Structure formats: structure tokens, C-alpha cells
C-alpha atoms as a PDB file:
ATOM      1  CA  MET A   1      17.008 -32.990  13.960  1.00  0.00           C
ATOM      2  CA  LYS A   2      13.207 -32.981  13.932  1.00  0.00           C
ATOM      3  CA  LYS A   3      11.347 -31.972  10.782  1.00  0.00           C
ATOM      4  CA  PHE A   4       8.261 -29.770  10.939  1.00  0.00           C
ATOM      5  CA  ASP A   5       5.710 -28.509   8.479  1.00  0.00           C
ATOM      6  CA  ILE A   6       4.136 -25.341   9.818  1.00  0.00           C
ATOM      7  CA  TYR A   7       1.094 -23.533   8.469  1.00  0.00           C
ATOM      8  CA  THR A   8       0.484 -19.969   9.618  1.00  0.00           C
ATOM      9  CA  ASP A   9      -2.173 -17.339   9.109  1.00  0.00           C
ATOM     10  CA  GLY A  10      -3.213 -13.951  10.405  1.00  0.00           C
ATOM     11  CA  ALA A  11      -6.561 -12.188  10.391  1.00  0.00           C
ATOM     12  CA  CYS A  12      -7.812  -8.706  11.168  1.00  0.00           C
ATOM     13  CA  LYS A  13     -11.240  -7.154  11.402  1.00  0.00           C
ATOM     14  CA  LYS A  14     -11.273  -3.596  10.031  1.00  0.00           C
ATOM     15  CA  ASN A  15      -7.561  -3.364   9.161  1.00  0.00           C
ATOM     16  CA  PRO A  16      -6.355  -1.869  11.520  1.00  0.00           C
ATOM     17  CA  GLY A  17      -8.474  -3.283  14.275  1.00  0.00           C
ATOM     18  CA  PRO A  18      -8.812  -6.449  16.345  1.00  0.00           C
ATOM     19  CA  GLY A  19      -6.593  -9.189  14.956  1.00  0.00           C
ATOM     20  CA  GLY A  20      -5.671 -12.807  15.416  1.00  0.00           C
ATOM     21  CA  TRP A  21      -2.972 -15.258  14.449  1.00  0.00           C
ATOM     22  CA  GLY A  22      -2.809 -19.035  14.360  1.00  0.00           C
ATOM     23  CA  TYR A  23      -0.518 -21.869  13.431  1.00  0.00           C
ATOM     24  CA  VAL A  24      -0.448 -25.603  12.925  1.00  0.00           C
ATOM     25  CA  HIS A  25       2.747 -27.563  13.718  1.00  0.00           C
ATOM     26  CA  ILE A  26       3.014 -30.968  12.036  1.00  0.00           C
ATOM     27  CA  CYS A  27       5.778 -33.374  13.036  1.00  0.00           C
ATOM     28  CA  GLY A  28       5.252 -36.914  11.824  1.00  0.00           C
ATOM     29  CA  ASP A  29       1.772 -37.950  12.953  1.00  0.00           C
ATOM     30  CA  THR A  30       1.550 -35.228  15.598  1.00  0.00           C
ATOM     31  CA  GLU A  31      -0.304 -31.955  15.077  1.00  0.00           C
ATOM     32  CA  ASN A  32      -0.228 -29.055  17.519  1.00  0.00           C
ATOM     33  CA  THR A  33      -2.060 -25.754  17.190  1.00  0.00           C
ATOM     34  CA  LEU A  34      -2.024 -22.387  18.882  1.00  0.00           C
ATOM     35  CA  PHE A  35      -3.733 -19.040  18.365  1.00  0.00           C
ATOM     36  CA  GLY A  36      -3.763 -15.596  19.890  1.00  0.00           C
ATOM     37  CA  GLY A  37      -4.596 -12.037  19.069  1.00  0.00           C
ATOM     38  CA  ASP A  38      -4.243  -8.328  19.607  1.00  0.00           C
ATOM     39  CA  PRO A  39      -7.030  -5.799  20.170  1.00  0.00           C
ATOM     40  CA  GLN A  40      -5.472  -3.118  17.916  1.00  0.00           C
ATOM     41  CA  THR A  41      -3.260  -4.305  15.080  1.00  0.00           C
ATOM     42  CA  THR A  42      -3.013  -4.872  11.327  1.00  0.00           C
ATOM     43  CA  ASN A  43      -3.358  -7.941   9.159  1.00  0.00           C
ATOM     44  CA  ASN A  44       0.341  -7.849   8.228  1.00  0.00           C
ATOM     45  CA  ARG A  45       1.370  -7.762  11.893  1.00  0.00           C
ATOM     46  CA  MET A  46      -0.821 -10.793  12.601  1.00  0.00           C
ATOM     47  CA  GLU A  47       0.631 -12.670   9.606  1.00  0.00           C
ATOM     48  CA  LEU A  48       4.100 -11.964  10.987  1.00  0.00           C
ATOM     49  CA  MET A  49       3.113 -12.878  14.534  1.00  0.00           C
ATOM     50  CA  ALA A  50       1.783 -16.252  13.383  1.00  0.00           C
ATOM     51  CA  ALA A  51       5.141 -17.101  11.791  1.00  0.00           C
ATOM     52  CA  ILE A  52       7.106 -15.734  14.752  1.00  0.00           C
ATOM     53  CA  ARG A  53       5.180 -17.682  17.372  1.00  0.00           C
ATOM     54  CA  ALA A  54       5.208 -20.859  15.284  1.00  0.00           C
ATOM     55  CA  ILE A  55       9.000 -20.795  15.026  1.00  0.00           C
ATOM     56  CA  GLU A  56       9.697 -19.467  18.531  1.00  0.00           C
ATOM     57  CA  ASP A  57       7.561 -22.242  19.992  1.00  0.00           C
ATOM     58  CA  LEU A  58       9.861 -24.959  18.609  1.00  0.00           C
ATOM     59  CA  SER A  59      11.775 -26.320  21.579  1.00  0.00           C
ATOM     60  CA  ASP A  60      14.772 -27.741  19.714  1.00  0.00           C
ATOM     61  CA  GLN A  61      16.666 -26.912  16.550  1.00  0.00           C
ATOM     62  CA  ALA A  62      14.672 -28.229  13.606  1.00  0.00           C
ATOM     63  CA  THR A  63      14.305 -28.407   9.869  1.00  0.00           C
ATOM     64  CA  VAL A  64      11.177 -26.429   9.074  1.00  0.00           C
ATOM     65  CA  ASN A  65       8.929 -25.832   6.094  1.00  0.00           C
ATOM     66  CA  VAL A  66       6.731 -22.799   6.755  1.00  0.00           C
ATOM     67  CA  TYR A  67       3.624 -22.426   4.614  1.00  0.00           C
ATOM     68  CA  THR A  68       1.912 -19.040   4.557  1.00  0.00           C
ATOM     69  CA  ASP A  69      -0.712 -17.438   2.363  1.00  0.00           C
ATOM     70  CA  SER A  70       0.952 -14.058   2.959  1.00  0.00           C
ATOM     71  CA  LYS A  71       3.232 -12.934   0.143  1.00  0.00           C
ATOM     72  CA  TYR A  72       4.244 -10.102   2.478  1.00  0.00           C
ATOM     73  CA  VAL A  73       5.719 -12.601   4.953  1.00  0.00           C
ATOM     74  CA  CYS A  74       7.066 -15.051   2.378  1.00  0.00           C
ATOM     75  CA  ASP A  75       8.772 -12.442   0.184  1.00  0.00           C
ATOM     76  CA  GLY A  76       9.793 -10.261   3.105  1.00  0.00           C
ATOM     77  CA  ILE A  77      11.679 -12.986   4.973  1.00  0.00           C
ATOM     78  CA  SER A  78      13.127 -14.769   1.940  1.00  0.00           C
ATOM     79  CA  LYS A  79      13.917 -11.828  -0.383  1.00  0.00           C
ATOM     80  CA  TRP A  80      13.505  -8.285   0.922  1.00  0.00           C
ATOM     81  CA  ILE A  81      15.066  -8.703   4.379  1.00  0.00           C
ATOM     82  CA  HIS A  82      18.602  -8.943   3.004  1.00  0.00           C
ATOM     83  CA  GLY A  83      18.396  -5.437   1.513  1.00  0.00           C
ATOM     84  CA  TRP A  84      16.645  -4.047   4.562  1.00  0.00           C
ATOM     85  CA  LYS A  85      19.444  -5.225   6.805  1.00  0.00           C
ATOM     86  CA  LYS A  86      22.117  -3.806   4.467  1.00  0.00           C
ATOM     87  CA  ARG A  87      20.296  -0.449   4.474  1.00  0.00           C
ATOM     88  CA  ASP A  88      19.854  -0.401   8.281  1.00  0.00           C
ATOM     89  CA  TRP A  89      16.184  -1.425   8.104  1.00  0.00           C
ATOM     90  CA  ARG A  90      15.229   0.962   5.345  1.00  0.00           C
ATOM     91  CA  LYS A  91      13.404   0.136   2.145  1.00  0.00           C
ATOM     92  CA  ALA A  92      14.914   0.875  -1.266  1.00  0.00           C
ATOM     93  CA  ASP A  93      13.152   4.272  -1.265  1.00  0.00           C
ATOM     94  CA  GLY A  94      14.859   5.182   2.024  1.00  0.00           C
ATOM     95  CA  LYS A  95      11.707   4.960   4.131  1.00  0.00           C
ATOM     96  CA  PRO A  96      11.744   2.853   7.317  1.00  0.00           C
ATOM     97  CA  VAL A  97      10.619  -0.759   7.034  1.00  0.00           C
ATOM     98  CA  LEU A  98       7.122  -1.169   8.421  1.00  0.00           C
ATOM     99  CA  ASN A  99       6.823  -3.641  11.305  1.00  0.00           C
ATOM    100  CA  GLU A 100      10.593  -3.616  11.825  1.00  0.00           C
ATOM    101  CA  ASP A 101      10.179  -4.918  15.374  1.00  0.00           C
ATOM    102  CA  LEU A 102       8.432  -8.056  14.142  1.00  0.00           C
ATOM    103  CA  TRP A 103      10.764  -8.570  11.159  1.00  0.00           C
ATOM    104  CA  ARG A 104      13.738  -8.486  13.552  1.00  0.00           C
ATOM    105  CA  ARG A 105      12.025 -10.959  15.863  1.00  0.00           C
ATOM    106  CA  LEU A 106      11.205 -13.301  12.969  1.00  0.00           C
ATOM    107  CA  ASP A 107      14.764 -13.060  11.658  1.00  0.00           C
ATOM    108  CA  GLN A 108      16.132 -13.955  15.095  1.00  0.00           C
ATOM    109  CA  ALA A 109      13.706 -16.856  15.536  1.00  0.00           C
ATOM    110  CA  ARG A 110      14.470 -18.426  12.180  1.00  0.00           C
ATOM    111  CA  ALA A 111      18.245 -18.176  12.685  1.00  0.00           C
ATOM    112  CA  LYS A 112      18.089 -21.128  15.109  1.00  0.00           C
ATOM    113  CA  HIS A 113      16.600 -23.474  12.505  1.00  0.00           C
ATOM    114  CA  GLU A 114      16.850 -24.557   8.887  1.00  0.00           C
ATOM    115  CA  VAL A 115      13.778 -22.832   7.466  1.00  0.00           C
ATOM    116  CA  GLN A 116      12.284 -22.938   3.982  1.00  0.00           C
ATOM    117  CA  TRP A 117       9.419 -20.570   3.155  1.00  0.00           C
ATOM    118  CA  HIS A 118       6.497 -21.522   0.911  1.00  0.00           C
ATOM    119  CA  TRP A 119       3.583 -19.456  -0.310  1.00  0.00           C
ATOM    120  CA  VAL A 120       0.194 -21.169  -0.596  1.00  0.00           C
ATOM    121  CA  LYS A 121      -2.960 -19.709  -2.084  1.00  0.00           C
ATOM    122  CA  ALA A 122      -5.508 -18.706   0.552  1.00  0.00           C
ATOM    123  CA  HIS A 123      -8.938 -20.333   0.652  1.00  0.00           C
ATOM    124  CA  ALA A 124      -7.994 -22.831  -2.051  1.00  0.00           C
ATOM    125  CA  GLY A 125      -8.843 -26.006  -0.152  1.00  0.00           C
ATOM    126  CA  ASN A 126      -5.461 -26.660   1.509  1.00  0.00           C
ATOM    127  CA  HIS A 127      -6.540 -28.420   4.715  1.00  0.00           C
ATOM    128  CA  TYR A 128      -3.814 -27.040   6.970  1.00  0.00           C
ATOM    129  CA  ASN A 129      -3.998 -23.522   5.551  1.00  0.00           C
ATOM    130  CA  GLU A 130      -7.732 -23.583   6.262  1.00  0.00           C
ATOM    131  CA  MET A 131      -7.007 -24.783   9.818  1.00  0.00           C
ATOM    132  CA  ALA A 132      -4.555 -21.912  10.334  1.00  0.00           C
ATOM    133  CA  ASP A 133      -7.170 -19.483   9.005  1.00  0.00           C
ATOM    134  CA  GLN A 134      -9.772 -20.825  11.442  1.00  0.00           C
ATOM    135  CA  LEU A 135      -7.295 -20.500  14.308  1.00  0.00           C
ATOM    136  CA  ALA A 136      -6.455 -16.906  13.358  1.00  0.00           C
ATOM    137  CA  ASN A 137     -10.157 -16.080  13.359  1.00  0.00           C
ATOM    138  CA  LEU A 138     -10.501 -17.719  16.779  1.00  0.00           C
ATOM    139  CA  GLY A 139      -7.733 -15.356  17.876  1.00  0.00           C
ATOM    140  CA  VAL A 140      -9.793 -12.409  16.642  1.00  0.00           C
ATOM    141  CA  GLU A 141     -12.868 -13.665  18.497  1.00  0.00           C
ATOM    142  CA  LYS A 142     -10.889 -14.213  21.702  1.00  0.00           C
ATOM    143  CA  THR A 143      -9.474 -10.715  21.415  1.00  0.00           C
ATOM    144  CA  LEU A 144     -12.933  -9.250  20.887  1.00  0.00           C
ATOM    145  CA  THR A 145     -14.294 -10.987  23.992  1.00  0.00           C
ATOM    146  CA  GLU A 146     -11.264 -10.589  26.268  1.00  0.00           C
ATOM    147  CA  GLY A 147      -9.750  -7.394  24.831  1.00  0.00           C
ATOM    148  CA  VAL A 148      -6.135  -8.341  25.552  1.00  0.00           C
ATOM    149  CA  ALA A 149      -3.182  -9.388  23.421  1.00  0.00           C
ATOM    150  CA  SER A 150      -1.985 -12.977  23.598  1.00  0.00           C
END
């Protein structure tokens, strides 16, 4: 089974507003990147989309370390999701889980792999986290110029 380190990030101008996501796949000496965006979204949705696309884009079952600077994504997928699923996608206070559509998609994507989640501090000099941030911002710029989701 292949082993990947994946760095993800999301960005949004005027939350909500135009947003972007980006990821870096690292497998051995090979690095692959991708970015996209949405003309009307939130930062949390872009953080989730970065993780979703990064995992969905793996062609074969893999062992994966996902690094994100989003505590929302890291805690949501590794801690909170278990309770949400038990409560039929409701939070402890009974309110619906925000971004349920993307949480379900991320949960489905990760089920095919052995995934470990890691939080990294944003803008702290981590090379790959900075790359993911730059890609997410490219996604915002592309969205602003093209006006379509990708």
C-alpha cells in the first residue's frame, strides 16, 4: 500500500464570499498539487473541500497522513463526527451539523484508506502548509477571474 503525506488548506475572501482550496500530495520523492474554488462559500467549506479532494483524488487504497491547519477539520473528522453520526447528524445541542454534506463526503472518502489526521499551526514556516495556503489562494484568484466552482 502506498504511503502519502497530504497537506491541505482552504481560503475565503470576505467569509462568506469567494473561496479556494488546495492540497499537496507527497509520495516518496513525488509531489503533486491541485487547487480549485467556489464563487460563494465559507472558509470552513473550503478547508473541508481541500481534505475531500485530496483524499478522493488518491487512485488506490493508501496509508495517509493528512496535515491541516484547520482545527475544525481535524477535530471534526477525528473526534466530533462519531457523536454526530450517533445523533443522526446533530450536534450535542440538537442543532443540525453545519456542512453536513461535506462531512459525509469526507467520511466516505476516508473510509477507503488508513488515515491519520494532524493539526499544524498556520503560517509558522511549515513548507508544505505554506504551499497548500498558496494553492488555496490561487483557487480564490481563479474563482474571482472565472466565477465558477472547480
